[in-house]
């Protein structure tokens, strides 16, 4: 049985070109959302983050999980909900959901449901067609929370931290606040790796990553099926065996 899929108009990699909130406008942060038929990955890097320091790295955001599209009120735009199974930042108190209006097939406006904001998203050329979502297999051969997502010519890898949140972490705390309270645990709390770039002809060219040292690297990277349920990956630093969650490669 095939997994549920969201409408084709959402597939691809979307670059945020504008964020408006009551606090102001942001047109400089690097923000990309990769969407397959069901799974999403997201990476957000503030332009002014001093990422060589723990405080700067803690300003980054990123997450992955499944996506649903609903229309509970026919008089309102449809609702996109990003259900986060892994998250660089601490848990939120409200769902990540927004009303979505497509101005053109390549441009969608998101307005907040549980917060006051407006975001403009524009789809990157070459980001539709191929859609792959994989979960890394652990030593026992079971799927882990680590994800590898492909959309068109783009690839995103997301490996969550192993450390649990400290007991005093409250909903809507920022990672900056948690790291400030637990400076001795900073490296473990920041050990959440998200890496994004173009992938073609067996090479993954890393554009942005939560670990800045990875940016600009060109890694040999090949991916293939190993049956209906598994895939194999040859890419430095990444697991070799993966469970297939979604595979659409025309």
Protein backbone atom coordinates (compact mmCIF):
# COMPACT_ATOMS: atom_id res chain seq x y z
CA UNK A 1 0.00 0.00 0.00
CA UNK A 2 1.42 3.39 -1.01
CA UNK A 3 1.79 6.05 1.70
CA UNK A 4 -0.57 9.02 1.54
CA UNK A 5 0.67 11.91 -0.52
CA UNK A 6 0.02 15.62 -0.51
CA UNK A 7 -0.98 17.49 -3.71
CA UNK A 8 1.66 17.78 -6.42
CA UNK A 9 1.64 21.58 -6.15
CA UNK A 10 3.52 21.29 -2.83
CA UNK A 11 6.31 19.04 -4.09
CA UNK A 12 9.80 20.49 -4.45
CA UNK A 13 12.20 22.73 -2.57
CA UNK A 14 10.84 26.07 -1.44
CA UNK A 15 12.97 29.08 -0.57
CA UNK A 16 11.53 31.62 1.84
CA UNK A 17 11.98 35.10 0.40
CA UNK A 18 10.05 37.09 3.02
CA UNK A 19 8.95 36.79 6.64
CA UNK A 20 6.73 39.47 8.17
CA UNK A 21 5.81 39.48 11.86
CA UNK A 22 4.70 42.19 14.28
CA UNK A 23 8.40 42.53 15.13
CA UNK A 24 9.52 43.29 11.59
CA UNK A 25 10.62 41.87 8.22
CA UNK A 26 13.27 39.29 7.37
CA UNK A 27 14.54 38.89 3.80
CA UNK A 28 18.09 37.77 4.61
CA UNK A 29 17.83 34.47 6.53
CA UNK A 30 18.62 31.35 4.50
CA UNK A 31 15.45 29.22 4.73
CA UNK A 32 14.66 26.14 2.60
CA UNK A 33 11.79 23.66 2.92
CA UNK A 34 12.09 20.37 1.02
CA UNK A 35 8.82 18.53 0.40
CA UNK A 36 8.37 15.03 -0.98
CA UNK A 37 5.01 13.33 -1.37
CA UNK A 38 4.63 12.95 2.39
CA UNK A 39 7.87 13.93 4.15
CA UNK A 40 9.43 17.33 4.73
CA UNK A 41 12.78 18.67 5.85
CA UNK A 42 13.52 22.27 6.79
CA UNK A 43 16.68 24.27 7.51
CA UNK A 44 16.84 27.92 8.63
CA UNK A 45 20.08 29.85 9.10
CA UNK A 46 19.93 33.50 10.20
CA UNK A 47 22.18 35.70 8.10
CA UNK A 48 23.75 37.27 11.17
CA UNK A 49 24.33 34.08 13.20
CA UNK A 50 27.93 33.73 14.45
CA UNK A 51 27.89 29.99 13.86
CA UNK A 52 31.44 29.45 15.05
CA UNK A 53 30.14 29.84 18.61
CA UNK A 54 27.59 27.73 20.51
CA UNK A 55 25.38 30.80 20.91
CA UNK A 56 25.38 31.39 17.17
CA UNK A 57 24.76 27.74 16.28
CA UNK A 58 21.81 27.69 18.69
CA UNK A 59 20.06 30.36 16.61
CA UNK A 60 19.65 27.93 13.70
CA UNK A 61 16.42 26.04 13.15
CA UNK A 62 15.50 22.86 11.35
CA UNK A 63 13.16 19.91 11.54
CA UNK A 64 11.66 16.97 9.67
CA UNK A 65 8.49 14.90 9.68
CA UNK A 66 5.31 14.37 7.71
CA UNK A 67 3.03 16.93 6.08
CA UNK A 68 -0.75 17.06 5.84
CA UNK A 69 -3.03 19.30 3.79
CA UNK A 70 -6.59 19.88 5.02
CA UNK A 71 -9.39 22.39 4.54
CA UNK A 72 -11.46 22.40 7.73
CA UNK A 73 -13.25 25.63 6.74
CA UNK A 74 -14.36 25.83 3.07
CA UNK A 75 -14.48 29.62 3.40
CA UNK A 76 -10.77 29.78 4.33
CA UNK A 77 -7.61 28.72 2.46
CA UNK A 78 -6.35 25.18 2.89
CA UNK A 79 -4.15 24.39 5.88
CA UNK A 80 -0.67 22.90 5.67
CA UNK A 81 0.53 21.23 8.88
CA UNK A 82 4.14 20.21 9.37
CA UNK A 83 4.18 17.41 11.95
CA UNK A 84 7.68 17.50 13.38
CA UNK A 85 9.13 14.13 14.36
CA UNK A 86 12.61 15.60 14.91
CA UNK A 87 13.46 19.23 15.67
CA UNK A 88 16.66 21.22 16.21
CA UNK A 89 14.77 23.53 18.57
CA UNK A 90 12.84 22.49 21.72
CA UNK A 91 9.18 21.37 21.44
CA UNK A 92 6.52 23.93 20.59
CA UNK A 93 3.27 24.46 22.47
CA UNK A 94 1.22 24.80 19.26
CA UNK A 95 1.17 22.92 15.93
CA UNK A 96 3.23 24.22 13.03
CA UNK A 97 0.40 25.07 10.63
CA UNK A 98 -0.47 27.82 8.19
CA UNK A 99 -3.07 28.88 5.66
CA UNK A 100 -1.64 28.46 2.15
CA UNK A 101 -2.53 30.50 -0.95
CA UNK A 102 -0.75 29.82 -4.25
CA UNK A 103 -0.31 33.11 -6.10
CA UNK A 104 1.33 31.17 -8.95
CA UNK A 105 2.39 27.52 -9.27
CA UNK A 106 5.87 28.59 -8.12
CA UNK A 107 4.93 31.02 -5.33
CA UNK A 108 2.85 30.36 -2.21
CA UNK A 109 1.88 32.67 0.65
CA UNK A 110 1.67 31.21 4.16
CA UNK A 111 -0.13 33.03 6.97
CA UNK A 112 -0.07 31.87 10.56
CA UNK A 113 -2.88 30.07 12.36
CA UNK A 114 -1.29 29.88 15.82
CA UNK A 115 0.82 33.00 15.40
CA UNK A 116 0.84 36.32 13.57
CA UNK A 117 3.13 36.04 10.55
CA UNK A 118 3.28 35.97 6.76
CA UNK A 119 5.84 34.01 4.76
CA UNK A 120 6.47 34.04 1.02
CA UNK A 121 7.84 30.80 -0.47
CA UNK A 122 9.21 30.39 -4.00
CA UNK A 123 9.97 26.99 -5.53
CA UNK A 124 13.52 26.39 -6.73
CA UNK A 125 13.98 25.38 -10.38
CA UNK A 126 14.86 21.72 -10.84
CA UNK A 127 13.37 20.65 -7.51
CA UNK A 128 10.47 18.49 -8.76
CA UNK A 129 10.29 15.06 -10.34
CA UNK A 130 12.37 12.69 -8.24
CA UNK A 131 11.04 12.24 -4.67
CA UNK A 132 12.79 9.99 -2.16
CA UNK A 133 12.47 9.69 1.62
CA UNK A 134 14.62 7.28 3.64
CA UNK A 135 15.13 6.38 7.32
CA UNK A 136 18.58 5.19 8.42
CA UNK A 137 18.71 1.64 9.76
CA UNK A 138 20.32 1.14 13.16
CA UNK A 139 22.65 -1.71 14.15
CA UNK A 140 19.64 -3.99 14.71
CA UNK A 141 18.25 -3.22 11.27
CA UNK A 142 15.41 -1.05 12.60
CA UNK A 143 14.52 2.39 11.19
CA UNK A 144 15.85 5.30 13.20
CA UNK A 145 14.82 8.97 13.30
CA UNK A 146 17.64 9.93 10.92
CA UNK A 147 16.32 11.00 7.51
CA UNK A 148 17.56 11.47 3.96
CA UNK A 149 15.25 13.36 1.61
CA UNK A 150 15.57 13.99 -2.12
CA UNK A 151 13.46 16.29 -4.27
CA UNK A 152 14.51 16.81 -7.87
CA UNK A 153 18.19 17.76 -7.89
CA UNK A 154 18.34 18.54 -4.16
CA UNK A 155 19.27 16.33 -1.19
CA UNK A 156 18.84 16.99 2.54
CA UNK A 157 20.18 14.86 5.39
CA UNK A 158 18.91 15.24 8.96
CA UNK A 159 20.44 13.45 11.96
CA UNK A 160 18.88 14.29 15.33
CA UNK A 161 20.81 14.68 18.58
CA UNK A 162 21.13 11.70 20.90
CA UNK A 163 20.88 13.84 24.04
CA UNK A 164 17.48 14.24 25.70
CA UNK A 165 16.15 17.66 26.57
CA UNK A 166 16.99 18.71 30.16
CA UNK A 167 14.14 18.19 32.61
CA UNK A 168 13.53 21.92 33.00
CA UNK A 169 12.91 22.49 29.25
CA UNK A 170 9.51 24.13 28.80
CA UNK A 171 7.35 24.34 25.65
CA UNK A 172 8.46 27.26 23.44
CA UNK A 173 11.86 27.56 25.10
CA UNK A 174 14.49 28.40 22.50
CA UNK A 175 17.64 26.35 22.13
CA UNK A 176 19.56 29.49 23.06
CA UNK A 177 17.77 29.60 26.42
CA UNK A 178 18.34 25.90 27.08
CA UNK A 179 22.04 26.13 26.21
CA UNK A 180 22.44 29.17 28.46
CA UNK A 181 20.96 27.23 31.38
CA UNK A 182 23.00 24.11 30.63
CA UNK A 183 26.30 25.37 29.25
CA UNK A 184 28.06 22.15 30.29
CA UNK A 185 25.72 20.21 27.93
CA UNK A 186 25.97 22.64 25.03
CA UNK A 187 27.83 20.40 22.59
CA UNK A 188 25.46 17.47 23.11
CA UNK A 189 22.42 19.73 22.73
CA UNK A 190 23.83 21.26 19.53
CA UNK A 191 24.78 17.89 18.02
CA UNK A 192 21.91 17.88 15.52
CA UNK A 193 23.14 17.77 11.93
CA UNK A 194 21.21 19.07 8.93
CA UNK A 195 22.96 19.28 5.57
CA UNK A 196 21.48 20.52 2.27
CA UNK A 197 22.74 20.83 -1.28
CA UNK A 198 22.44 19.81 -4.91
CA UNK A 199 22.93 16.18 -5.91
CA UNK A 200 23.74 15.01 -9.43
CA UNK A 201 26.14 12.76 -11.31
CA UNK A 202 27.15 11.06 -8.08
CA UNK A 203 28.21 14.27 -6.30
CA UNK A 204 26.49 16.04 -3.40
CA UNK A 205 27.50 19.71 -3.32
CA UNK A 206 26.76 20.99 0.19
CA UNK A 207 25.31 24.51 0.25
CA UNK A 208 24.18 24.96 3.87
CA UNK A 209 24.56 22.92 7.05
CA UNK A 210 24.12 23.31 10.77
CA UNK A 211 27.84 22.54 10.93
CA UNK A 212 29.40 25.36 8.87
CA UNK A 213 32.59 23.35 8.22
CA UNK A 214 30.58 21.11 5.87
CA UNK A 215 29.52 23.96 3.61
CA UNK A 216 31.22 24.07 0.22
CA UNK A 217 32.17 20.39 0.28
CA UNK A 218 31.58 18.21 -2.78
CA UNK A 219 31.08 14.64 -1.62
CA UNK A 220 30.88 11.52 -3.81
CA UNK A 221 27.38 10.21 -3.09
CA UNK A 222 25.56 7.34 -4.76
CA UNK A 223 22.18 5.88 -3.84
CA UNK A 224 20.47 2.72 -5.03
CA UNK A 225 17.65 0.31 -4.24
CA UNK A 226 18.38 -2.92 -2.40
CA UNK A 227 14.90 -4.37 -2.75
CA UNK A 228 11.42 -2.98 -2.20
CA UNK A 229 12.04 -1.87 1.38
CA UNK A 230 15.74 -0.95 1.53
CA UNK A 231 18.25 1.33 -0.13
CA UNK A 232 22.03 1.55 0.02
CA UNK A 233 24.02 4.76 0.22
CA UNK A 234 27.72 5.33 -0.43
CA UNK A 235 28.41 8.79 0.99
CA UNK A 236 31.14 9.79 3.44
CA UNK A 237 29.89 10.17 6.99
CA UNK A 238 26.40 8.76 6.35
CA UNK A 239 25.00 5.29 7.17
CA UNK A 240 25.11 2.73 4.35
CA UNK A 241 21.69 1.10 4.91
CA UNK A 242 18.30 2.84 4.78
CA UNK A 243 14.63 1.93 4.94
CA UNK A 244 12.59 3.20 2.00
CA UNK A 245 9.74 5.45 3.17
CA UNK A 246 8.99 6.86 -0.26
CA UNK A 247 10.60 6.33 -3.66
CA UNK A 248 9.39 8.11 -6.78
CA UNK A 249 12.20 8.29 -9.33
CA UNK A 250 10.83 8.62 -12.87
